Structures are given as structure tokens and as C-alpha cells.
């Protein structure tokens, strides 16, 4: 194995451990290289239609849209383009599957869990194919898709499968001759709209709690990356889910997505994506049937690095926090605050790390960074890079296109960034690191809060008092200390402020998918 390949695999292994995947990968880098299968660089595209009522169907309009390969900018295939009328069909199927007396409603909760375990087993069986499909459609490195995206997705489905027969209410000793108990009942038809940065994982995050709680689902995948979500429907049918429980309608946000948010027969909507669109989803729910809403939105997360750290380790961790998934993470550590005592050394080493990053074909084992998702996002990132230069930040490396085709951008590092610059305030969602300088703890906490977002944050220090003070002070849904992007299906995730509402994952993730009913029965005599 070449020195470069060993280095890349070591960094992938470190990243996977930080993602909480050590139990799945057992990830010494040397073992990781032998454990990875050879990717299929041209996976067969099996699912391109709408999935409604357990059947593959064309859109009513017969229209399709091209699915684009971000590595080349060329079409992969054509996907059926659902619209409002197709959402209506899917909601009708989901409503039928949810009616009283249906196979889904009368199924034992343990049997629901067994279906979900079977789905996870099928994902494990087809893990290499699904990872290849995700890499083709999204552009993320195959080794990351296989270990991280598939690993976390399978873990999530299995975790919630275990919850299916453990969702229950309580008996409550109220005053008088009454017997009172609560039931945790499914909400009903759940509309789910997922993003393009983690297509499979977001599908698992949404399906897991919804199905465990006994709901039915109508999902719209991102138009940029529908392939793995559609294939999940194929596996769900093979697993044995009843007709109408799971429905998938690819299409555009302003049509299919808006139809879900506005639908009077959708009881709950979950959306992951931009804050701008999240506001539209919440407004649509409010002006129609006041459906329950959970939102996981944007972020501009502070990563605060104190002077007592090992600088080399801090540089590598901060690089991972920003550049993982090509910077296309809602929780990316996109405001890197570094103490003035180590600032110059940190910047110098961060630039060297960014310049050493391997950018290119995501199917090649040595690749660390693939393309951005599409031309629109590519242009937005380059525009924000240009704004950083115009506003006086010092661009230390990168700043332009990598190669001559596809949507690749050179890893970029800015120094001497000020809080009022666009690159310090707007979500770039790309491989652009902004490094800011701070002097003391109270100052950096105040500056960390100077944002509309509150999704995540991180603290790097060897001082326990500092770690506790800062992590308990930051208004963010997740705070990592001396780590970053550590995820598990067991731990909740969600944001403060304009980063969203509600929580996904863990026991908390079930709350939005259940209604609590109180039942009180008059009895002749109450006995203790």
C-alpha cells in the first residue's frame, strides 16, 4: 500500500471513530483497507419511478427529470417527476394503510420491529451496492459512504426496531373513583422531506421513529439525490411492509415538497434542509391543518480551540469538522475560533493540511473529497469565496475550481476573518474554512452566540473547567468536547434558534411521532 493510501485510510479511520462508528468498523486503518469491498463504479439503476402503495408507478403527468452525476455534470438517468396529484395519490395510500383495522394498525408492535430488523438486514446484504449508488449520486467518497452513511443508517433502523414494542403509556392515580391511563398512539400520515447531503442517512433518520411508532410515511427525496431512497423502498417491499405504509415521491421542492407541507391529510411533516425553506414549511403547516412540524435546518457552528491543546491534533480535528462530506454538513464547524497564542501556528498548519487533501474521483480509495452536489451549490460557494476576499479576509489557499469538469472546488482556508463578514455569518456548505482569532473565554462565548443558528458547537481544551463552562454556556443543540461529528442513533440531534425545532434520534426522536391520549374510566370503587 502506498504512503498516500495509508495516510488517507488513517484519516478516514479517525473520522469514522469520531462519527461513533468504531464498533462497526473496528477501525485500525490497515484493517479498514482490507474490509472495504471494491466499489461498483457503474451500479445498475433499478428504481426510477414513484413508489406508491407498494407499487412502482409513473407520475400522472409522465414527466421525468434528469438525475445528474456531480463528478461530470452529465445525466445518470431520468427520474419520474412527482407533483401535487402524485402526492395526493401517495397520501391516499398512506391514509388507507393507517385506517382502523388495517394490517398495519392491527399488527403486533413486536412484528413492526421484526419488519424493521429485516429491512436493516437487507441493507446490510446490499451494503456495497447501496454505497456505490450513494457515491455515484452524491459524489461522496465510497469508503465514507460504505462505512459511515451505511453504518449509521443500518444502526438507526435497528435501534428504532428495538423501540417498536417499548412505546407505551402509564396508569395515573387521579382523585376519585376513576381508573386513568395514557396511550402513546401514532400521529398518522407523516410527510417527510429530506436533503441531498446525506440521502440514505436522512431517510433512515426519518423512517426509523415514524415506523417504530406505527405511522405511515410519504417521503420526498431531494431531487439531486433520489437513488438510494428509492432503492430503500424496494428493500421495504422485500422485507414485507404492508401496502401503503411507505410511499416515495421524487419531485421538485416547490411542487411535490410544497404539496406535502400544505396537505390537509398529512398529520405531521418533518423537514431537513435550509432555514429559508424550513420557514416556508412551517408557514404552510400553519395556514392549513396545523400539522405537527419538526425542522432540522442550517447552522454556522463555532469550533472553539483553546491554547492548551496539542496544535497538530487540533488542526486535524478542526479540518475534519469543516471539510467532512466536502463541507456539506449542516453542523460543520464552520467558524473556527482559535486563541491568539496559537493562532499563527494553527493557520499555517491548517493551510498545509488543506493543501495536502486529495480531491477527485470518489470511487478511488485515496480520494478524501469529491465534488459539490450541483452547479447551483458550486456557484454559491465560489461567490462566497469571492465575497471573503472582497471584504478583507486573507485567502491562504484554494479558492477556485479543481479540474475542468464536474463540481469540484479546491479546499480553501481563510485567515483574519472578522465576525461581520459574509463568510463568517452565512452557511457556505462547502470546503471553505474560516479561522477567527479570540483572546479570552467570555469574549469567545459572546461571539459564538452572535448568529441566527444554534445547531452544533465544539470546544477543544485540556482544562475540564473550561470545557464545562463553555459547553454549558453555548446555545446549541449538540456540543462536542475534544471531538466532532460523533453521531449515534441513541443520542438526540437538533437545533436552537433558527437551526430548527424538535429532536431526531434517541428516545427523544419518538416524541414528535406519537400522540398522548388520556383515558379515564368511572369505576364502582377505587382501591389502592
Protein backbone atom coordinates (compact mmCIF):
# COMPACT_ATOMS: atom_id res chain seq x y z
CA UNK A 1 0.00 0.00 0.00
CA UNK A 2 1.32 3.46 -0.89
CA UNK A 3 2.19 6.01 1.78
CA UNK A 4 -0.59 8.28 0.47
CA UNK A 5 -3.17 5.50 0.60
CA UNK A 6 -2.16 4.60 4.16
CA UNK A 7 -2.48 8.27 5.19
CA UNK A 8 -5.92 8.62 3.64
CA UNK A 9 -7.19 5.43 5.27
CA UNK A 10 -5.79 6.51 8.64
CA UNK A 11 -7.65 9.80 8.33
CA UNK A 12 -10.82 8.00 7.29
CA UNK A 13 -10.43 5.69 10.29
CA UNK A 14 -10.03 8.66 12.63
CA UNK A 15 -13.08 10.27 11.10
CA UNK A 16 -15.17 7.14 11.48
CA UNK A 17 -14.17 6.84 15.12
CA UNK A 18 -15.28 10.44 15.61
CA UNK A 19 -18.56 9.53 13.93
CA UNK A 20 -19.11 6.92 16.61
CA UNK A 21 -18.50 4.04 14.19
CA UNK A 22 -15.61 2.29 15.93
CA UNK A 23 -17.81 -0.68 16.91
CA UNK A 24 -18.91 -1.10 13.29
CA UNK A 25 -15.56 -0.61 11.61
CA UNK A 26 -13.21 -1.73 14.43
CA UNK A 27 -11.20 0.80 12.59
CA UNK A 28 -7.46 0.35 12.59
CA UNK A 29 -6.66 1.88 9.22
CA UNK A 30 -4.89 -1.25 7.98
CA UNK A 31 -7.97 -3.39 8.65
CA UNK A 32 -10.22 -0.78 7.06
CA UNK A 33 -8.41 -1.16 3.73
CA UNK A 34 -8.99 -4.93 3.62
CA UNK A 35 -12.57 -4.71 4.92
CA UNK A 36 -13.74 -2.35 2.18
CA UNK A 37 -15.18 -4.11 -0.88
CA UNK A 38 -14.33 -3.00 -4.38
CA UNK A 39 -16.93 -0.40 -5.38
CA UNK A 40 -19.14 -0.76 -8.41
CA UNK A 41 -18.37 2.41 -10.35
CA UNK A 42 -21.38 1.88 -12.62
CA UNK A 43 -24.09 0.40 -10.37
CA UNK A 44 -27.26 -0.68 -12.14
CA UNK A 45 -30.05 1.84 -11.61
CA UNK A 46 -33.03 -0.28 -10.57
CA UNK A 47 -35.56 2.24 -9.22
CA UNK A 48 -36.54 5.41 -11.07
CA UNK A 49 -40.33 5.63 -10.66
CA UNK A 50 -42.62 6.74 -7.86
CA UNK A 51 -43.29 4.19 -5.11
CA UNK A 52 -46.95 4.36 -4.06
CA UNK A 53 -48.95 1.65 -2.27
CA UNK A 54 -46.10 -0.86 -2.69
CA UNK A 55 -46.05 -0.40 -6.49
CA UNK A 56 -43.66 1.33 -8.87
CA UNK A 57 -45.70 3.80 -10.93
CA UNK A 58 -45.13 6.66 -13.36
CA UNK A 59 -46.03 10.20 -12.47
CA UNK A 60 -49.55 11.12 -13.59
CA UNK A 61 -48.00 13.67 -15.96
CA UNK A 62 -45.50 11.07 -17.29
CA UNK A 63 -42.85 13.76 -16.80
CA UNK A 64 -39.29 12.94 -15.74
CA UNK A 65 -36.23 14.93 -14.72
CA UNK A 66 -32.53 14.15 -15.23
CA UNK A 67 -30.51 12.85 -12.30
CA UNK A 68 -27.05 14.46 -12.64
CA UNK A 69 -23.66 12.97 -11.77
CA UNK A 70 -21.84 15.70 -9.78
CA UNK A 71 -18.45 14.33 -10.87
CA UNK A 72 -19.17 15.03 -14.53
CA UNK A 73 -22.25 17.24 -14.73
CA UNK A 74 -23.78 14.64 -17.05
CA UNK A 75 -27.05 12.71 -16.59
CA UNK A 76 -27.08 9.36 -14.79
CA UNK A 77 -30.71 8.53 -15.60
CA UNK A 78 -34.18 10.04 -15.74
CA UNK A 79 -36.40 10.01 -12.63
CA UNK A 80 -40.20 10.18 -12.58
CA UNK A 81 -41.19 13.69 -11.50
CA UNK A 82 -44.00 13.67 -8.98
CA UNK A 83 -46.24 16.69 -8.45
CA UNK A 84 -49.24 17.59 -6.29
CA UNK A 85 -51.53 15.00 -7.85
CA UNK A 86 -48.95 12.30 -7.14
CA UNK A 87 -48.60 13.44 -3.53
CA UNK A 88 -52.40 13.16 -3.30
CA UNK A 89 -52.18 9.55 -4.50
CA UNK A 90 -49.42 8.75 -2.02
CA UNK A 91 -51.27 10.36 0.89
CA UNK A 92 -54.42 8.43 -0.02
CA UNK A 93 -52.43 5.19 0.06
CA UNK A 94 -50.82 6.12 3.39
CA UNK A 95 -54.21 7.08 4.84
CA UNK A 96 -55.66 3.75 3.73
CA UNK A 97 -52.79 1.88 5.38
CA UNK A 98 -53.42 3.81 8.60
CA UNK A 99 -57.17 3.24 8.83
CA UNK A 100 -58.56 1.31 11.79
CA UNK A 101 -58.49 -2.43 11.22
CA UNK A 102 -55.77 -2.30 8.55
CA UNK A 103 -52.94 -4.85 8.59
CA UNK A 104 -50.54 -2.14 9.79
CA UNK A 105 -52.79 -0.86 12.59
CA UNK A 106 -53.62 -4.36 13.86
CA UNK A 107 -50.07 -5.68 13.61
CA UNK A 108 -48.34 -6.50 16.90
CA UNK A 109 -45.74 -3.88 17.76
CA UNK A 110 -43.12 -6.61 18.02
CA UNK A 111 -43.97 -7.60 14.43
CA UNK A 112 -43.41 -4.00 13.34
CA UNK A 113 -40.00 -4.19 14.91
CA UNK A 114 -39.32 -7.51 13.15
CA UNK A 115 -40.07 -5.88 9.77
CA UNK A 116 -37.62 -3.10 10.58
CA UNK A 117 -34.93 -5.58 11.63
CA UNK A 118 -35.50 -7.39 8.33
CA UNK A 119 -35.11 -4.12 6.44
CA UNK A 120 -31.81 -3.44 8.21
CA UNK A 121 -30.60 -6.95 7.34
CA UNK A 122 -31.40 -6.34 3.67
CA UNK A 123 -29.48 -3.05 3.80
CA UNK A 124 -26.53 -4.99 5.24
CA UNK A 125 -26.83 -7.58 2.47
CA UNK A 126 -26.75 -4.88 -0.24
CA UNK A 127 -24.36 -2.57 1.59
CA UNK A 128 -21.72 -2.38 -1.15
CA UNK A 129 -24.30 -1.75 -3.88
CA UNK A 130 -26.08 0.97 -1.87
CA UNK A 131 -22.76 2.66 -1.04
CA UNK A 132 -21.81 2.61 -4.73
CA UNK A 133 -25.19 4.12 -5.61
CA UNK A 134 -24.74 6.84 -2.98
CA UNK A 135 -21.26 7.68 -4.26
CA UNK A 136 -22.47 7.88 -7.85
CA UNK A 137 -25.45 10.08 -6.99
CA UNK A 138 -23.97 12.29 -4.27
CA UNK A 139 -20.22 12.29 -5.01
CA UNK A 140 -19.02 11.38 -1.51
CA UNK A 141 -16.03 9.00 -1.25
CA UNK A 142 -17.05 5.35 -1.43
CA UNK A 143 -15.18 4.43 1.74
CA UNK A 144 -17.14 7.07 3.66
CA UNK A 145 -20.47 6.05 2.12
CA UNK A 146 -19.82 2.39 2.94
CA UNK A 147 -18.58 2.83 6.50
CA UNK A 148 -20.31 5.99 7.71
CA UNK A 149 -23.53 6.51 5.76
CA UNK A 150 -24.45 2.83 5.53
CA UNK A 151 -23.18 2.05 9.03
CA UNK A 152 -25.15 4.81 10.71
CA UNK A 153 -28.27 4.16 8.60
CA UNK A 154 -28.37 0.46 9.46
CA UNK A 155 -27.71 1.28 13.10
CA UNK A 156 -30.61 3.76 13.09
CA UNK A 157 -33.15 1.32 11.64
CA UNK A 158 -32.10 -1.40 14.09
CA UNK A 159 -32.20 1.00 17.03
CA UNK A 160 -35.77 2.03 16.33
CA UNK A 161 -36.78 -1.55 15.54
CA UNK A 162 -35.92 -2.25 19.17
CA UNK A 163 -38.20 0.58 20.29
CA UNK A 164 -41.29 -0.67 18.45
CA UNK A 165 -42.64 -2.75 21.39
CA UNK A 166 -41.43 -0.40 24.12
CA UNK A 167 -43.58 2.64 23.35
CA UNK A 168 -46.29 2.71 25.99
CA UNK A 169 -48.20 4.92 28.39
CA UNK A 170 -48.81 4.99 32.16
CA UNK A 171 -51.54 4.48 34.71
CA UNK A 172 -52.20 7.64 36.72
CA UNK A 173 -53.79 7.67 40.23
CA UNK A 174 -56.16 10.62 39.87
CA UNK A 175 -58.60 11.65 42.59
CA UNK A 176 -61.99 9.89 42.93
CA UNK A 177 -63.35 6.55 41.75
CA UNK A 178 -61.69 6.55 38.38
CA UNK A 179 -59.12 4.49 36.52
CA UNK A 180 -56.91 6.66 34.31
CA UNK A 181 -54.26 5.61 31.85
CA UNK A 182 -52.41 7.08 28.86
CA UNK A 183 -51.78 5.61 25.42
CA UNK A 184 -48.99 6.63 23.07
CA UNK A 185 -50.64 6.44 19.67
CA UNK A 186 -49.13 7.08 16.22
CA UNK A 187 -49.73 10.55 14.78
CA UNK A 188 -50.93 9.20 11.43
CA UNK A 189 -49.67 10.07 7.96
CA UNK A 190 -46.21 11.60 8.17
CA UNK A 191 -44.82 13.71 5.33
CA UNK A 192 -41.03 13.69 5.24
CA UNK A 193 -38.77 15.85 3.08
CA UNK A 194 -35.06 15.00 3.08
CA UNK A 195 -31.91 16.76 1.79
CA UNK A 196 -29.16 15.78 -0.64
CA UNK A 197 -26.08 15.81 1.60
CA UNK A 198 -26.82 12.52 3.41
CA UNK A 199 -29.62 11.00 1.32
CA UNK A 200 -29.67 7.48 2.77
CA UNK A 201 -28.94 8.53 6.35
CA UNK A 202 -31.69 11.14 6.38
CA UNK A 203 -34.12 8.55 5.03
CA UNK A 204 -33.20 6.26 7.95
CA UNK A 205 -33.45 9.09 10.49
CA UNK A 206 -36.99 9.84 9.28
CA UNK A 207 -38.30 6.31 8.69
CA UNK A 208 -36.92 4.86 11.93
CA UNK A 209 -39.02 6.67 14.57
CA UNK A 210 -42.05 7.07 12.30
CA UNK A 211 -42.35 3.34 11.58
CA UNK A 212 -41.46 2.24 15.10
CA UNK A 213 -44.32 4.37 16.45
CA UNK A 214 -46.77 2.88 13.93
CA UNK A 215 -47.16 5.77 11.47
CA UNK A 216 -47.34 5.66 7.69
CA UNK A 217 -44.98 7.69 5.51
CA UNK A 218 -44.98 9.84 2.39
CA UNK A 219 -41.43 10.94 1.63
CA UNK A 220 -39.95 13.29 -0.95
CA UNK A 221 -36.21 12.74 -1.50
CA UNK A 222 -34.00 15.57 -2.70
CA UNK A 223 -34.28 15.94 -6.47
CA UNK A 224 -30.46 15.90 -6.69
CA UNK A 225 -30.10 12.52 -4.94
CA UNK A 226 -33.15 10.25 -5.15
CA UNK A 227 -31.47 6.94 -5.96
CA UNK A 228 -30.76 5.40 -2.54
CA UNK A 229 -34.07 6.50 -1.02
CA UNK A 230 -35.91 4.88 -3.94
CA UNK A 231 -33.91 1.68 -3.51
CA UNK A 232 -34.86 1.64 0.18
CA UNK A 233 -38.48 1.29 -0.96
CA UNK A 234 -37.52 -1.80 -2.94
CA UNK A 235 -35.99 -3.27 0.20
CA UNK A 236 -39.00 -2.29 2.32
CA UNK A 237 -41.30 -4.17 -0.06
CA UNK A 238 -38.98 -7.18 0.05
CA UNK A 239 -38.99 -7.01 3.85
CA UNK A 240 -42.77 -7.32 3.85
CA UNK A 241 -44.14 -3.90 4.84
CA UNK A 242 -47.88 -3.76 4.05
CA UNK A 243 -49.26 -1.77 1.14
CA UNK A 244 -49.32 1.99 1.67
CA UNK A 245 -47.13 2.12 4.77
CA UNK A 246 -44.14 3.57 2.87
CA UNK A 247 -44.52 5.85 -0.15
CA UNK A 248 -41.80 7.76 -2.04
CA UNK A 249 -42.46 10.62 -4.47
CA UNK A 250 -39.38 12.21 -6.07
CA UNK A 251 -40.01 15.67 -7.47
CA UNK A 252 -39.20 19.35 -7.06
CA UNK A 253 -39.45 21.26 -3.79
CA UNK A 254 -41.91 23.97 -4.92
CA UNK A 255 -44.32 21.33 -6.26
CA UNK A 256 -44.05 17.93 -4.55
CA UNK A 257 -42.45 19.29 -1.38
CA UNK A 258 -44.95 22.11 -1.03
CA UNK A 259 -47.81 19.67 -1.60
CA UNK A 260 -46.69 17.62 1.42
CA UNK A 261 -46.35 20.68 3.66
CA UNK A 262 -49.79 22.00 2.65
CA UNK A 263 -51.72 18.73 2.59
CA UNK A 264 -54.75 18.56 4.89
CA UNK A 265 -54.49 14.77 5.24
CA UNK A 266 -50.82 14.85 6.33
CA UNK A 267 -50.76 14.83 10.13
CA UNK A 268 -47.07 15.61 10.66
CA UNK A 269 -44.26 16.93 8.48
CA UNK A 270 -40.53 16.54 9.06
CA UNK A 271 -38.11 18.61 7.00
CA UNK A 272 -34.33 18.68 6.86
CA UNK A 273 -32.76 21.40 4.75
CA UNK A 274 -32.19 25.13 4.61
CA UNK A 275 -33.62 27.57 7.15
CA UNK A 276 -35.21 29.54 4.31
CA UNK A 277 -37.25 26.55 3.12
CA UNK A 278 -37.91 25.39 6.69
CA UNK A 279 -39.75 28.64 7.33
CA UNK A 280 -41.92 28.01 4.26
CA UNK A 281 -42.75 24.51 5.51
CA UNK A 282 -43.78 25.83 8.92
CA UNK A 283 -45.87 28.59 7.35
CA UNK A 284 -47.64 26.07 5.11
CA UNK A 285 -48.46 23.86 8.09
CA UNK A 286 -49.80 26.86 9.99
CA UNK A 287 -52.12 28.09 7.26
CA UNK A 288 -53.60 24.65 6.57
CA UNK A 289 -54.32 21.98 9.20
CA UNK A 290 -51.76 22.93 11.88
CA UNK A 291 -49.95 19.64 11.33
CA UNK A 292 -47.11 18.82 13.71
CA UNK A 293 -43.76 20.11 12.42
CA UNK A 294 -40.16 19.17 13.14
CA UNK A 295 -37.33 21.01 11.40
CA UNK A 296 -33.59 20.32 11.21
CA UNK A 297 -32.14 23.34 9.46
CA UNK A 298 -28.94 25.26 8.84
CA UNK A 299 -26.01 26.05 11.06
CA UNK A 300 -22.91 28.19 11.45
CA UNK A 301 -21.34 26.19 14.23
CA UNK A 302 -18.48 27.58 16.35
CA UNK A 303 -15.47 25.33 16.96
CA UNK A 304 -13.54 26.94 19.83
CA UNK A 305 -9.90 25.96 20.27
CA UNK A 306 -8.06 26.97 23.44
CA UNK A 307 -4.27 27.36 23.72
CA UNK A 308 -3.64 24.31 25.94
CA UNK A 309 -4.39 21.80 23.15
CA UNK A 310 -1.98 19.77 21.07
CA UNK A 311 -1.96 22.00 17.99
CA UNK A 312 -1.37 19.21 15.48
CA UNK A 313 -4.32 17.22 16.82
CA UNK A 314 -6.49 20.33 16.95
CA UNK A 315 -5.68 21.17 13.34
CA UNK A 316 -6.64 17.69 12.17
CA UNK A 317 -9.88 17.70 14.16
CA UNK A 318 -10.86 21.19 13.01
CA UNK A 319 -10.11 20.16 9.43
CA UNK A 320 -12.39 17.14 9.80
CA UNK A 321 -15.08 19.29 11.46
CA UNK A 322 -15.25 21.57 8.43
CA UNK A 323 -14.23 19.50 5.42
CA UNK A 324 -16.05 16.23 6.14
CA UNK A 325 -18.54 15.46 3.35
CA UNK A 326 -16.93 18.27 1.32
CA UNK A 327 -18.18 20.83 3.85
CA UNK A 328 -21.77 19.83 3.06
CA UNK A 329 -22.82 19.31 6.69
CA UNK A 330 -25.46 21.37 8.48
CA UNK A 331 -23.40 21.00 11.68
CA UNK A 332 -19.98 21.70 10.11
CA UNK A 333 -17.55 23.53 12.37
CA UNK A 334 -17.64 26.49 10.04
CA UNK A 335 -16.47 29.20 12.44
CA UNK A 336 -13.10 28.04 13.76
CA UNK A 337 -12.23 30.27 16.74
CA UNK A 338 -8.55 29.91 17.71
CA UNK A 339 -6.86 31.53 20.71
CA UNK A 340 -4.40 34.26 19.79
CA UNK A 341 -1.48 32.46 21.47
CA UNK A 342 -1.56 29.62 18.94
CA UNK A 343 -3.32 31.37 16.06
CA UNK A 344 -0.42 31.80 13.62
CA UNK A 345 0.82 28.22 14.08
CA UNK A 346 -2.70 26.87 13.74
CA UNK A 347 -3.33 28.79 10.50
CA UNK A 348 -0.03 27.67 8.99
CA UNK A 349 -0.68 24.00 9.74
CA UNK A 350 -4.34 24.22 8.65
CA UNK A 351 -3.24 25.53 5.28
CA UNK A 352 -0.73 22.70 4.90
CA UNK A 353 -3.44 20.16 5.77
CA UNK A 354 -5.89 21.63 3.27
CA UNK A 355 -3.25 21.69 0.53
CA UNK A 356 -2.49 18.01 1.18
CA UNK A 357 -6.13 16.99 0.79
CA UNK A 358 -6.81 14.65 -2.12
CA UNK A 359 -9.68 15.85 -4.33
CA UNK A 360 -11.05 13.81 -7.19
CA UNK A 361 -12.92 10.67 -8.24
CA UNK A 362 -14.83 9.46 -5.15
CA UNK A 363 -14.56 5.83 -6.25
CA UNK A 364 -10.76 5.93 -5.89
CA UNK A 365 -9.62 4.77 -2.44
CA UNK A 366 -7.19 7.62 -1.90
CA UNK A 367 -9.77 10.36 -2.52
CA UNK A 368 -10.77 12.42 0.52
CA UNK A 369 -13.02 14.97 -1.18
CA UNK A 370 -15.38 14.57 -4.09
CA UNK A 371 -17.50 17.17 -5.90
CA UNK A 372 -20.10 19.56 -4.57
CA UNK A 373 -23.63 18.44 -5.26
CA UNK A 374 -24.64 20.55 -8.26
CA UNK A 375 -23.95 23.63 -10.35
CA UNK A 376 -26.11 25.90 -8.17
CA UNK A 377 -24.25 24.98 -4.99
CA UNK A 378 -20.92 25.15 -6.82
CA UNK A 379 -21.65 28.73 -7.90
CA UNK A 380 -22.88 29.76 -4.45
CA UNK A 381 -19.66 28.57 -2.79
CA UNK A 382 -17.43 30.34 -5.30
CA UNK A 383 -19.48 33.52 -4.84
CA UNK A 384 -19.00 33.42 -1.07
CA UNK A 385 -15.26 32.80 -1.51
CA UNK A 386 -15.14 35.90 -3.67
CA UNK A 387 -17.02 37.89 -1.03
CA UNK A 388 -14.48 36.84 1.61
CA UNK A 389 -11.66 38.24 -0.48
CA UNK A 390 -13.54 41.47 -1.19
CA UNK A 391 -14.37 42.01 2.49
CA UNK A 392 -10.73 41.71 3.55
CA UNK A 393 -10.24 38.15 4.75
CA UNK A 394 -6.92 36.60 3.75
CA UNK A 395 -7.34 33.60 1.48
CA UNK A 396 -4.43 31.32 2.35
CA UNK A 397 -5.09 28.55 -0.17
CA UNK A 398 -7.66 27.20 -2.62
CA UNK A 399 -10.41 29.49 -3.81
CA UNK A 400 -11.30 28.05 -7.19
CA UNK A 401 -12.39 25.10 -9.29
CA UNK A 402 -10.48 21.84 -9.11
CA UNK A 403 -10.15 20.19 -12.50
CA UNK A 404 -12.05 21.01 -15.66
CA UNK A 405 -15.33 19.10 -15.26
CA UNK A 406 -17.82 18.37 -12.53
CA UNK A 407 -18.37 20.50 -9.43
CA UNK A 408 -15.05 20.15 -7.63
CA UNK A 409 -13.71 23.03 -5.50
CA UNK A 410 -10.20 23.34 -4.08
CA UNK A 411 -10.04 23.12 -0.27
CA UNK A 412 -9.99 26.74 0.86
CA UNK A 413 -8.74 28.37 4.06
CA UNK A 414 -9.36 31.99 5.13
CA UNK A 415 -7.43 33.71 7.93
CA UNK A 416 -8.03 37.03 9.68
CA UNK A 417 -11.77 36.59 9.32
CA UNK A 418 -13.99 39.12 11.09
CA UNK A 419 -17.40 38.37 12.61
CA UNK A 420 -19.30 40.73 10.28
CA UNK A 421 -18.05 39.16 7.04
CA UNK A 422 -20.48 37.12 4.96
CA UNK A 423 -18.26 34.05 5.16
CA UNK A 424 -18.49 34.25 8.96
CA UNK A 425 -22.27 34.67 9.01
CA UNK A 426 -23.74 32.72 6.10
CA UNK A 427 -23.84 28.97 5.73
CA UNK A 428 -21.39 28.23 2.91
CA UNK A 429 -21.97 24.45 2.80
CA UNK A 430 -18.68 23.82 1.08
CA UNK A 431 -14.94 23.18 1.61
CA UNK A 432 -14.16 26.65 2.96
CA UNK A 433 -12.60 27.04 6.43
CA UNK A 434 -12.80 30.38 8.22
CA UNK A 435 -10.34 30.86 11.08
CA UNK A 436 -11.08 33.64 13.59
CA UNK A 437 -8.91 34.86 16.48
CA UNK A 438 -10.04 35.32 20.10
CA UNK A 439 -8.44 36.45 23.39
CA UNK A 440 -10.48 35.11 26.32
CA UNK A 441 -13.35 32.83 27.24
CA UNK A 442 -16.10 35.37 27.87
CA UNK A 443 -15.32 37.12 24.59
CA UNK A 444 -15.49 33.94 22.50
CA UNK A 445 -18.75 32.78 24.11
CA UNK A 446 -20.35 36.13 23.25
CA UNK A 447 -19.07 35.94 19.68
CA UNK A 448 -20.12 32.30 19.30
CA UNK A 449 -23.69 33.35 20.13
CA UNK A 450 -23.67 36.13 17.52
CA UNK A 451 -25.51 34.08 14.90
CA UNK A 452 -29.04 33.17 13.87
CA UNK A 453 -28.17 29.49 14.25
CA UNK A 454 -27.70 27.07 17.12
CA UNK A 455 -27.30 23.59 15.70
CA UNK A 456 -23.91 22.47 17.00
CA UNK A 457 -20.68 23.68 18.60
CA UNK A 458 -17.38 22.28 19.79
CA UNK A 459 -14.76 23.02 22.43
CA UNK A 460 -11.17 21.86 22.32
CA UNK A 461 -9.25 22.13 25.59
CA UNK A 462 -7.45 20.02 28.17
CA UNK A 463 -8.96 22.04 31.04
CA UNK A 464 -12.08 20.41 32.48
CA UNK A 465 -13.37 23.64 33.99
CA UNK A 466 -13.10 25.42 30.64
CA UNK A 467 -14.78 22.52 28.84
CA UNK A 468 -17.72 22.51 31.26
CA UNK A 469 -18.10 26.29 31.38
CA UNK A 470 -18.11 26.73 27.62
CA UNK A 471 -20.18 23.67 26.70
CA UNK A 472 -22.84 24.58 29.27
CA UNK A 473 -22.90 28.20 28.08
CA UNK A 474 -23.25 27.66 24.33
CA UNK A 475 -26.77 27.81 22.91
CA UNK A 476 -26.55 24.83 20.60
CA UNK A 477 -28.38 21.52 20.36
CA UNK A 478 -25.16 19.49 20.35
CA UNK A 479 -21.77 20.40 21.84
CA UNK A 480 -18.75 18.19 21.19
CA UNK A 481 -15.74 18.39 23.50
CA UNK A 482 -12.39 17.30 22.03
CA UNK A 483 -14.22 15.51 19.21
CA UNK A 484 -16.52 16.37 16.32
CA UNK A 485 -19.33 14.76 14.32
CA UNK A 486 -19.78 11.95 16.82
CA UNK A 487 -23.22 10.56 15.99
CA UNK A 488 -25.22 7.64 17.31
CA UNK A 489 -28.83 6.61 16.82
CA UNK A 490 -29.13 6.67 20.62
CA UNK A 491 -28.28 10.38 21.09
CA UNK A 492 -30.70 13.18 20.11
CA UNK A 493 -29.81 15.78 17.49
CA UNK A 494 -31.46 19.11 16.68
CA UNK A 495 -31.04 22.84 16.97
CA UNK A 496 -31.71 26.02 18.90
CA UNK A 497 -32.90 29.27 17.32
CA UNK A 498 -33.20 29.18 13.51
CA UNK A 499 -31.50 25.80 13.30
CA UNK A 500 -34.86 24.15 13.77
CA UNK A 501 -37.35 22.68 16.21
CA UNK A 502 -37.73 19.24 17.70
CA UNK A 503 -35.16 16.46 18.00
CA UNK A 504 -34.25 13.47 15.89
CA UNK A 505 -32.65 10.24 17.09
CA UNK A 506 -32.71 8.62 20.50
CA UNK A 507 -35.82 8.24 22.62
CA UNK A 508 -36.45 11.96 22.12
CA UNK A 509 -36.90 11.33 18.40
CA UNK A 510 -40.08 9.32 19.07
CA UNK A 511 -41.92 12.22 20.72
CA UNK A 512 -42.90 14.00 17.51
CA UNK A 513 -44.27 10.77 16.03
CA UNK A 514 -46.65 9.97 18.88
CA UNK A 515 -49.82 11.47 20.34
CA UNK A 516 -50.57 11.00 24.04
CA UNK A 517 -54.18 10.08 24.78
CA UNK A 518 -55.64 10.14 28.30
CA UNK A 519 -58.42 7.63 29.05
CA UNK A 520 -60.44 7.92 32.28
CA UNK A 521 -62.95 5.23 33.28
CA UNK A 522 -65.53 5.51 36.09
CA UNK A 523 -65.21 2.54 38.45
CA UNK A 524 -67.51 1.48 41.34
CA UNK A 525 -64.74 1.79 43.90
CA UNK A 526 -61.07 2.64 43.71
CA UNK A 527 -58.68 0.55 45.78
CA UNK A 528 -55.03 1.32 46.34
